Protein backbone atom coordinates (compact mmCIF):
# COMPACT_ATOMS: atom_id res chain seq x y z
CA MET A 1 -8.86 39.04 -31.02
CA LEU A 2 -8.84 36.79 -27.95
CA PRO A 3 -10.73 33.46 -28.06
CA ASP A 4 -13.96 33.29 -26.28
CA GLU A 5 -12.58 30.71 -23.58
CA LEU A 6 -9.93 33.30 -22.44
CA LEU A 7 -12.46 36.17 -22.55
CA HIS A 8 -14.73 34.24 -20.39
CA SER A 9 -12.02 33.66 -17.92
CA THR A 10 -11.05 37.44 -17.72
CA VAL A 11 -14.61 38.05 -17.29
CA GLU A 12 -15.05 35.50 -14.44
CA TYR A 13 -12.12 36.95 -12.46
CA LEU A 14 -13.60 40.46 -12.65
CA ALA A 15 -17.10 39.85 -12.55
CA TYR A 16 -17.94 40.30 -8.80
CA THR A 17 -16.79 42.57 -5.95
CA PRO A 18 -14.67 40.64 -3.35
CA ASP A 19 -16.60 38.99 -0.46
CA SER A 20 -15.60 39.86 3.01
CA PRO A 21 -13.66 36.79 4.33
CA GLU A 22 -16.60 36.48 6.97
CA CYS A 23 -18.88 35.30 3.99
CA LYS A 24 -16.81 32.29 2.73
CA LEU A 25 -18.41 29.92 4.96
CA LEU A 26 -21.07 29.02 2.49
CA GLU A 27 -20.98 27.89 -1.17
CA PHE A 28 -24.35 29.64 -1.92
CA ARG A 29 -23.25 33.45 -1.34
CA PHE A 30 -24.91 36.47 -3.04
CA LYS A 31 -22.63 38.51 -5.04
CA SER A 32 -22.48 42.02 -6.51
CA ALA A 33 -21.58 42.76 -10.10
CA SER A 34 -18.55 44.61 -10.06
CA PRO A 35 -18.13 48.12 -12.08
CA GLU A 36 -15.61 46.28 -14.32
CA LEU A 37 -18.35 43.68 -15.31
CA LEU A 38 -20.79 46.36 -16.05
CA SER A 39 -18.32 48.46 -18.19
CA LEU A 40 -17.18 45.17 -20.26
CA SER A 41 -20.90 44.24 -21.02
CA GLN A 42 -21.19 47.71 -22.73
CA VAL A 43 -18.11 47.29 -25.07
CA ASN A 44 -19.57 45.32 -28.05
CA GLN A 45 -22.09 42.54 -28.82
CA ARG A 46 -19.31 39.70 -28.13
CA LEU A 47 -18.54 40.85 -24.91
CA ARG A 48 -22.00 41.52 -23.95
CA ARG A 49 -23.04 37.71 -24.64
CA ILE A 50 -20.24 36.79 -22.23
CA CYS A 51 -21.00 39.03 -19.69
CA LEU A 52 -24.84 38.25 -19.44
CA PRO A 53 -24.78 35.01 -17.61
CA PHE A 54 -22.52 36.95 -14.91
CA LEU A 55 -24.70 39.86 -14.85
CA PHE A 56 -27.87 38.00 -14.15
CA ALA A 57 -26.67 35.14 -12.18
CA TYR A 58 -27.51 36.66 -8.81
CA ALA A 59 -30.73 38.56 -8.31
CA ARG A 60 -31.97 40.63 -5.32
CA VAL A 61 -36.04 41.40 -4.70
CA ARG A 62 -36.27 43.89 -2.34
CA ASP A 63 -40.08 44.68 -2.34
CA VAL A 64 -43.12 43.91 -4.31
CA THR A 65 -42.18 46.40 -7.18
CA ASP A 66 -39.18 44.23 -7.85
CA VAL A 67 -41.42 41.00 -8.11
CA VAL A 68 -43.68 42.69 -10.45
CA LYS A 69 -40.79 43.71 -12.65
CA LEU A 70 -39.33 40.31 -12.58
CA GLY A 71 -42.70 39.05 -13.58
CA GLU A 72 -42.91 41.41 -16.50
CA LEU A 73 -39.46 40.09 -17.77
CA CYS A 74 -41.08 36.68 -17.67
CA ASP A 75 -44.02 37.46 -19.60
CA ALA A 76 -41.92 39.41 -22.17
CA GLY A 77 -39.73 36.43 -22.86
CA SER A 78 -36.65 37.91 -21.60
CA LEU A 79 -33.66 35.93 -21.29
CA ALA A 80 -32.73 37.42 -17.96
CA PRO A 81 -34.99 35.26 -15.65
CA GLY A 82 -33.45 32.12 -17.36
CA LEU A 83 -29.77 33.02 -16.14
CA ILE A 84 -30.62 33.70 -12.67
CA ARG A 85 -28.90 31.19 -10.31
CA ILE A 86 -29.22 32.76 -6.65
CA LEU A 87 -32.29 34.45 -5.80
CA LEU A 88 -32.13 36.93 -2.67
CA LEU A 89 -35.47 37.68 -1.25
CA SER A 90 -35.11 40.46 1.24
CA SER A 91 -37.97 41.56 3.67
CA PHE A 92 -41.01 42.77 2.04
CA TYR A 93 -43.90 40.50 1.45
CA PRO A 94 -47.50 41.31 2.00
CA GLU A 95 -48.68 37.69 1.21
CA GLU A 96 -51.48 38.44 -0.99
CA GLU A 97 -49.34 40.44 -3.55
CA GLY A 98 -45.73 39.00 -3.47
CA HIS A 99 -46.65 35.16 -2.93
CA LYS A 100 -48.96 34.98 -5.70
CA ILE A 101 -46.69 36.43 -8.34
CA LEU A 102 -43.68 34.45 -6.83
CA ARG A 103 -45.52 31.43 -7.49
CA GLN A 104 -46.00 32.51 -11.24
CA VAL A 105 -42.17 33.71 -11.60
CA LEU A 106 -40.42 30.72 -10.21
CA PRO A 107 -41.07 28.12 -12.99
CA TYR A 108 -39.39 30.54 -15.45
CA LEU A 109 -35.84 30.55 -13.43
CA ARG A 110 -34.69 27.40 -14.95
CA ARG A 111 -31.11 27.94 -13.87
CA LEU A 112 -32.33 28.55 -10.08
CA SER A 113 -30.14 26.68 -7.75
CA CYS A 114 -30.39 28.64 -4.40
CA ILE A 115 -33.37 30.81 -3.07
CA HIS A 116 -32.00 32.92 0.07
CA LEU A 117 -34.79 34.31 2.42
CA SER A 118 -32.88 37.06 4.19
CA MET A 119 -33.78 39.23 7.16
CA PHE A 120 -37.31 38.33 7.37
CA GLN A 121 -39.50 35.46 8.34
CA PRO A 122 -41.97 34.29 5.53
CA SER A 123 -45.20 32.93 5.81
CA ILE A 124 -45.78 29.06 6.15
CA ALA A 125 -47.28 29.20 2.52
CA LEU A 126 -44.65 31.35 1.04
CA PHE A 127 -42.05 29.11 2.45
CA ALA A 128 -43.66 25.83 1.26
CA THR A 129 -43.96 27.47 -2.41
CA VAL A 130 -40.16 28.16 -2.29
CA LEU A 131 -39.44 24.62 -1.00
CA GLU A 132 -41.49 23.13 -3.92
CA GLN A 133 -39.39 24.98 -6.52
CA SER A 134 -37.87 21.85 -8.52
CA THR A 135 -34.52 23.43 -9.81
CA ALA A 136 -33.54 25.25 -6.35
CA SER A 137 -31.54 22.43 -4.35
CA THR A 138 -30.90 24.88 -1.44
CA VAL A 139 -33.03 27.29 0.32
CA LEU A 140 -30.86 29.55 2.59
CA ILE A 141 -32.05 30.90 6.06
CA ASN A 142 -30.11 33.27 8.03
CA THR A 143 -31.03 32.19 11.46
CA LEU A 144 -33.32 29.55 13.27
CA ASP A 145 -35.68 32.66 14.05
CA ASP A 146 -36.37 33.15 10.52
CA LEU A 147 -38.18 29.72 10.04
CA PRO A 148 -41.83 30.28 10.20
CA ASN A 149 -44.17 28.72 12.70
CA GLY A 150 -45.03 25.00 11.62
CA SER A 151 -42.19 24.63 9.23
CA PHE A 152 -40.72 21.53 11.33
CA ARG A 153 -43.75 19.57 10.02
CA LEU A 154 -42.27 20.37 6.24
CA ASN A 155 -39.60 18.41 4.53
CA LEU A 156 -36.50 20.63 5.21
CA SER A 157 -33.90 18.74 3.24
CA LYS A 158 -33.40 21.67 1.16
CA VAL A 159 -32.87 24.08 3.99
CA VAL A 160 -29.49 25.48 5.10
CA LEU A 161 -29.49 27.45 8.31
CA GLU A 162 -26.54 29.77 7.95
CA HIS A 163 -26.40 30.86 11.59
CA SER A 164 -27.95 28.97 14.49
CA THR A 165 -27.84 30.54 17.98
CA ILE A 166 -28.93 28.55 21.10
CA SER A 167 -28.66 28.25 24.54
CA CYS A 168 -27.56 24.93 25.59
CA PRO A 169 -30.78 23.90 27.17
CA GLN A 170 -32.70 24.89 23.58
CA LEU A 171 -30.80 21.96 21.76
CA LEU A 172 -33.96 19.77 21.64
CA SER A 173 -35.80 22.48 19.77
CA LEU A 174 -32.95 22.54 17.02
CA GLU A 175 -33.01 19.10 16.74
CA ARG A 176 -36.49 18.69 15.72
CA TYR A 177 -35.67 20.75 12.61
CA CYS A 178 -32.31 18.70 11.80
CA ARG A 179 -34.72 15.39 11.98
CA ARG A 180 -36.74 16.94 9.28
CA GLY A 181 -33.40 17.20 6.94
CA ALA A 182 -32.38 21.01 7.84
CA ARG A 183 -28.59 21.47 7.54
CA MET A 184 -26.58 24.24 9.00
CA ALA A 185 -23.27 25.90 8.33
CA SER A 186 -22.57 27.68 11.70
CA LEU A 187 -23.87 26.96 15.29
CA ASN A 188 -23.25 29.34 18.08
CA ILE A 189 -23.86 27.92 21.63
CA HIS A 190 -24.34 30.00 24.76
CA ARG A 191 -23.39 28.40 28.16
CA PRO A 192 -21.21 25.51 26.50
CA ASP A 193 -20.10 24.87 30.38
CA LEU A 194 -23.46 22.97 30.33
CA LEU A 195 -22.33 20.41 27.69
CA ASP A 196 -21.53 17.02 28.43
CA GLU A 197 -20.36 13.60 26.84
CA SER A 198 -23.65 13.25 25.33
CA PHE A 199 -23.30 16.33 23.28
CA GLY A 200 -20.66 14.56 21.35
CA LEU A 201 -23.41 12.06 19.82
CA LYS A 202 -25.72 14.86 18.58
CA THR A 203 -25.34 15.54 14.82
CA PHE A 204 -26.06 18.61 12.93
CA THR A 205 -25.75 17.90 9.16
CA GLY A 206 -23.41 20.10 7.14
CA LEU A 207 -21.92 21.75 10.27
CA GLN A 208 -18.74 23.57 9.26
CA GLU A 209 -18.10 25.95 12.21
CA LEU A 210 -18.87 25.77 15.94
CA ASN A 211 -19.04 28.96 18.12
CA LEU A 212 -18.92 28.57 21.82
CA LEU A 213 -19.97 31.77 23.72
CA VAL A 214 -18.09 31.29 26.92
CA CYS A 215 -18.58 33.07 30.24
CA HIS A 216 -17.58 32.88 33.78
CA PHE A 217 -17.66 29.00 33.88
CA PRO A 218 -15.13 26.31 32.82
CA VAL A 219 -16.02 24.42 29.52
CA SER A 220 -15.09 20.73 29.54
CA PHE A 221 -14.24 19.54 25.85
CA SER A 222 -14.64 15.78 26.81
CA TRP A 223 -17.57 15.64 24.14
CA LEU A 224 -15.28 17.09 21.35
CA PRO A 225 -13.42 14.09 20.02
CA ALA A 226 -16.83 12.24 19.34
CA PHE A 227 -18.65 15.37 18.11
CA ALA A 228 -15.54 16.01 15.56
CA SER A 229 -15.75 12.62 14.30
CA GLY A 230 -19.48 12.77 13.72
CA HIS A 231 -18.87 16.01 11.78
CA PRO A 232 -16.41 15.59 9.06
CA ARG A 233 -17.18 19.01 7.57
CA LEU A 234 -16.40 20.77 10.80
CA SER A 235 -13.31 22.44 10.34
CA LYS A 236 -13.55 25.73 12.74
CA MET A 237 -14.33 26.35 16.21
CA TRP A 238 -14.18 29.65 18.13
CA LEU A 239 -14.30 30.51 21.71
CA LEU A 240 -15.89 33.98 22.07
CA ASP A 241 -15.29 35.81 25.24
CA ASP A 242 -16.34 39.36 24.31
CA LYS A 243 -17.17 40.37 28.05
CA LYS A 244 -13.52 39.31 29.06
CA HIS A 245 -14.90 36.96 31.75
CA TYR A 246 -13.39 33.55 30.67
CA PHE A 247 -9.72 33.65 29.80
CA ASP A 248 -8.75 35.72 32.87
CA ARG A 249 -10.10 32.88 34.93
CA HIS A 250 -9.60 29.71 32.64
CA THR A 251 -6.82 28.19 30.55
CA PRO A 252 -7.66 25.81 28.19
CA SER A 253 -5.13 23.24 27.18
CA PHE A 254 -4.58 24.44 23.59
CA ILE A 255 -3.33 28.02 24.86
CA HIS A 256 -1.71 26.78 28.31
CA SER A 257 1.80 27.15 27.03
CA PHE A 258 1.22 30.64 25.57
CA VAL A 259 -0.42 31.86 28.83
CA GLU A 260 2.47 30.47 30.74
CA GLU A 261 4.96 32.49 28.76
CA CYS A 262 2.96 35.65 29.05
CA HIS A 263 3.17 35.28 32.72
CA ARG A 264 7.05 34.82 32.48
CA GLN A 265 7.59 37.78 30.61
CA GLU A 266 5.11 39.76 32.40
CA LEU A 267 2.58 40.63 29.50
CA SER A 268 -0.53 39.05 30.83
CA ASP A 269 -1.55 42.04 32.72
CA TYR A 270 -1.38 44.52 29.64
CA PHE A 271 -4.08 42.55 27.21
CA ASP A 272 -6.96 40.58 27.34
CA ILE A 273 -7.78 37.64 25.01
CA THR A 274 -11.53 37.96 23.79
CA ARG A 275 -11.65 35.15 21.02
CA VAL A 276 -9.63 32.07 19.95
CA GLY A 277 -9.94 30.35 16.80
CA LEU A 278 -9.15 26.72 16.50
CA SER A 279 -8.94 24.54 13.25
CA ARG A 280 -8.17 20.80 12.23
CA ALA A 281 -5.87 20.00 9.70
CA ASN A 282 -8.25 17.59 7.83
CA GLN A 283 -11.70 15.93 8.03
CA SER A 284 -10.46 12.67 10.18
CA SER A 285 -8.04 14.72 12.47
CA GLN A 286 -8.51 15.10 16.34
CA GLU A 287 -5.83 17.45 16.54
CA TRP A 288 -7.04 21.12 16.93
CA ARG A 289 -4.46 24.22 16.54
CA VAL A 290 -4.85 27.87 17.36
CA THR A 291 -5.48 29.54 14.01
CA GLY A 292 -7.15 32.77 14.95
CA MET A 293 -6.88 35.22 18.09
CA THR A 294 -8.25 38.61 18.91
CA ILE A 295 -6.53 40.61 21.70
CA VAL A 296 -7.61 44.09 23.50
CA THR A 297 -5.04 46.00 24.87
CA LYS A 298 -5.27 47.82 28.17
CA PHE A 299 -4.65 51.22 29.67
CA ALA A 300 -1.53 50.05 31.35
CA SER A 301 0.11 49.08 28.10
CA ILE A 302 3.40 47.58 27.27
CA SER A 303 4.73 47.17 23.89
CA LEU A 304 2.60 45.99 21.17
CA ILE A 305 5.67 44.46 19.40
CA GLU A 306 6.30 42.10 22.21
CA ILE A 307 2.81 40.97 22.55
CA LEU A 308 2.57 40.43 18.67
CA SER A 309 6.05 38.61 18.65
CA LEU A 310 4.85 36.04 21.25
CA ILE A 311 1.68 35.21 19.67
CA CYS A 312 3.73 34.82 16.36
CA SER A 313 6.13 32.40 18.03
CA SER A 314 3.44 30.42 20.01
CA PHE A 315 1.13 30.07 17.21
CA PRO A 316 2.74 29.93 13.79
CA ALA A 317 -0.35 28.81 12.11
CA ILE A 318 -2.38 31.87 12.74
CA GLU A 319 -4.63 32.74 9.94
CA VAL A 320 -6.86 35.53 11.50
CA LEU A 321 -5.52 38.04 13.74
CA SER A 322 -7.55 40.75 15.32
CA PHE A 323 -6.07 43.67 17.80
CA ASP A 324 -7.81 46.38 19.21
CA LEU A 325 -5.58 49.35 20.45
CA ASP A 326 -8.35 51.63 21.75
CA HIS A 327 -6.85 51.88 25.33
CA HIS A 328 -3.37 51.61 24.05
CA LYS A 329 -0.89 54.49 24.86
CA ASP A 330 2.20 53.77 23.04
CA THR A 331 3.01 54.80 19.55
CA TYR A 332 5.09 53.06 16.92
CA HIS A 333 6.68 53.67 13.51
CA ILE A 334 4.84 51.90 10.88
CA ASP A 335 7.69 50.06 9.93
CA ASP A 336 8.11 48.29 13.38
CA ILE A 337 4.28 47.12 12.91
CA VAL A 338 4.93 45.87 9.44
CA SER A 339 7.97 43.94 10.42
CA VAL A 340 6.42 42.19 13.42
CA LEU A 341 3.24 41.29 11.56
CA ALA A 342 5.35 39.94 8.44
CA GLY A 343 6.33 37.25 10.78
CA PHE A 344 2.76 35.52 10.54
CA SER A 345 3.61 33.60 7.39
CA CYS A 346 -0.06 32.14 7.45
CA LEU A 347 -2.12 35.20 8.04
CA ARG A 348 -4.84 35.50 5.64
CA VAL A 349 -7.22 38.07 7.55
CA LEU A 350 -6.16 40.96 9.74
CA TYR A 351 -8.72 43.14 11.68
CA ILE A 352 -7.11 46.31 13.19
CA SER A 353 -8.95 48.58 15.52
CA HIS A 354 -7.92 52.13 16.69
CA LEU A 355 -4.50 51.89 14.95
CA TYR A 356 -4.40 55.50 13.49
CA LYS A 357 -3.24 57.34 16.64
CA ARG A 358 -1.01 54.88 17.66
CA ILE A 359 1.28 55.30 14.53
CA GLU A 360 4.08 58.00 15.09
CA SER A 361 3.51 61.18 12.83
CA GLY A 362 6.71 62.75 13.33
CA ARG A 363 8.03 61.81 9.86
CA LYS A 364 6.61 62.89 6.55
CA SER A 365 3.64 60.78 5.89
CA PRO A 366 4.17 58.38 2.86
CA TRP A 367 0.73 59.05 1.38
CA LYS A 368 0.15 62.48 -0.19
CA SER A 369 -3.47 63.02 -1.21
CA VAL A 370 -6.99 62.68 -0.03
CA PRO A 371 -8.65 62.56 -3.36
CA ARG A 372 -12.24 62.11 -2.00
CA MET A 373 -12.54 65.01 -0.72
CA GLU A 374 -14.96 67.77 -1.95
CA SER A 375 -15.59 69.92 0.81
CA ASN A 376 -13.59 71.69 3.72
CA ASP A 377 -15.31 69.71 6.45
CA VAL A 378 -12.66 69.23 9.02
CA CYS A 379 -13.92 66.03 10.25
CA LYS A 380 -14.41 64.60 6.65
CA ILE A 381 -10.66 65.82 5.90
CA LEU A 382 -9.40 63.99 8.87
CA ALA A 383 -11.11 60.89 8.26
CA ALA A 384 -10.08 60.87 4.59
CA THR A 385 -6.48 61.45 5.78
CA ALA A 386 -6.89 58.27 7.78
CA GLU A 387 -8.43 56.39 4.88
CA SER A 388 -5.27 57.19 2.81
CA ALA A 389 -2.93 56.18 5.76
CA PHE A 390 -4.87 52.70 5.95
CA LEU A 391 -4.34 52.31 2.12
CA CYS A 392 -0.75 52.82 2.38
CA TYR A 393 -0.35 50.63 5.40
CA ALA A 394 -2.55 47.82 3.68
CA SER A 395 -0.15 48.23 0.61
CA ARG A 396 2.86 47.70 2.60
CA LEU A 397 1.67 44.69 4.53
CA ALA A 398 0.00 42.88 1.30
CA LYS A 399 3.57 42.72 -0.23
CA GLU A 400 5.20 41.72 3.08
CA ILE A 401 2.65 38.92 3.86
CA ALA A 402 2.21 36.59 0.75
CA SER A 403 -0.70 34.95 2.49
CA LEU A 404 -2.51 37.96 3.33
CA ALA A 405 -6.06 38.42 1.37
CA ALA A 406 -7.84 40.99 3.33
CA LEU A 407 -7.68 43.63 6.15
CA HIS A 408 -10.39 45.29 8.22
CA PHE A 409 -9.79 48.63 9.56
CA ASP A 410 -12.06 50.13 12.32
CA ASP A 411 -11.13 53.62 13.81
CA MET A 412 -12.66 56.88 15.06
CA GLY A 413 -11.41 60.38 16.17
CA TYR A 414 -12.37 63.79 17.12
CA GLU A 415 -12.47 67.20 15.23
CA HIS A 416 -10.06 68.53 18.21
CA GLU A 417 -8.28 65.33 18.95
CA LYS A 418 -5.98 66.42 21.81
CA SER A 419 -8.82 67.70 23.93
CA ARG A 420 -11.13 64.73 22.40
CA TYR A 421 -13.88 67.51 21.75
CA GLY A 422 -15.98 68.43 19.04
CA ARG A 423 -17.68 66.41 16.15
CA ARG A 424 -16.44 62.82 15.71
CA TRP A 425 -15.55 60.83 12.57
CA TRP A 426 -15.61 57.06 11.97
CA ILE A 427 -13.88 54.97 9.46
CA LYS A 428 -14.57 51.34 8.83
CA GLY A 429 -14.57 48.74 6.09
CA TRP A 430 -12.65 46.04 4.22
CA LEU A 431 -9.57 46.19 1.83
CA HIS A 432 -8.92 43.25 -0.34
CA VAL A 433 -5.56 42.11 -1.69
CA ARG A 434 -5.46 40.89 -5.55
CA ASP A 435 -3.76 37.46 -5.63
CA SER A 436 -1.21 38.01 -8.38
CA SER A 437 -0.59 41.86 -8.35
CA ARG A 438 -0.95 42.12 -4.37
CA ASP A 439 -2.51 45.36 -5.11
CA ILE A 440 -5.09 46.64 -2.83
CA GLU A 441 -8.66 47.34 -3.79
CA GLY A 442 -11.80 48.60 -2.00
CA ALA A 443 -12.71 51.67 -0.17
CA LEU A 444 -13.48 52.43 3.58
CA ARG A 445 -16.82 53.97 4.69
CA ILE A 446 -16.57 57.35 6.24
CA LEU A 447 -19.21 58.90 8.61
CA THR A 448 -19.23 62.02 10.59
CA ASP A 449 -21.21 63.63 13.28
CA TYR A 450 -23.89 65.73 11.87
């Protein structure tokens, strides 16, 4: 029989379904129990004892009924409430019912470290109650808009804003919450072209990621050295140009040589850059390097292999890569796609959109079955076939790229693909790579028209 320490480590490894890489910015993140954890907890009493703290560490309260059930567990002397570490409160609260019960329940949650107020704006009374909970060191709020009116008068030292999105002229409104102690993980700024040197002196406690939503106008980064010095936890910065206005007109210094080489090789007319991610090596560094990029191909396409090869040679530290082939016209053998992506030795996260129709189907497919099918629905069969293909692609990429942790696929098609006619199908989702075995886990979501 294995010792408890080894069983505990095994259970901990299997306990929760993997997060998407987009969710790893924060230490306090709700996790869902895995099917393996549920199964292990039913094997015998010893395993159940080891599994219980993992089963009840994360609790989600969706409505008043859930609050009532939690209250009943507390009244009955159940062990479960005392094991809760993170409590996720979703949008429900009629104040008269939920608020009163919650005040009674919170003292029973002796291990509670974080309360996540998700997707709703609480009343000021409920918010104050949550802040007063003695064991919870963190109150997580999704966005600035979710803070109740008047909350800037409270002590906000427990509050962490997951995402704050503001326009440059609205910085003053954000600062008043910061002066009350609020911390933030990620800050999105519209109109960053209006930022000047004075922005470098601003302080946003706990900031880890800065997203600049660029547009037509050039952005000066004269404020960046001072701003980075004042934010030692800031490790990521993204320039987001989803409308494709910025990078066609302006060339920031950190991609200048890449853009010049694109022009020299006559590649620049065949794709758009929509996102560039920057990272700094350590907390004191002022050197930023490109570690993320999103490209979208155009109708007048040139070889994707050439484009990806140039990105790889120009930015060897790329960790996050995304490419959208919706308007691409060429097709490729999967071996060539795998080969060029294998050159990204630091790649951790890969987003691929509209790949399925760009892979040559002349040879026999390396996947054989579509086990999810329970009907003769043509669209569902097509989507399930695409999913099998993506699982195969992901498996090959995971074995070729040692650093790869997750892949996101997004695709769609028609019942009659050649004529682009009839019902449509969509497939989307994350596939995760197990560190040691390099096996793929996860399933993609399939949707169809009516």
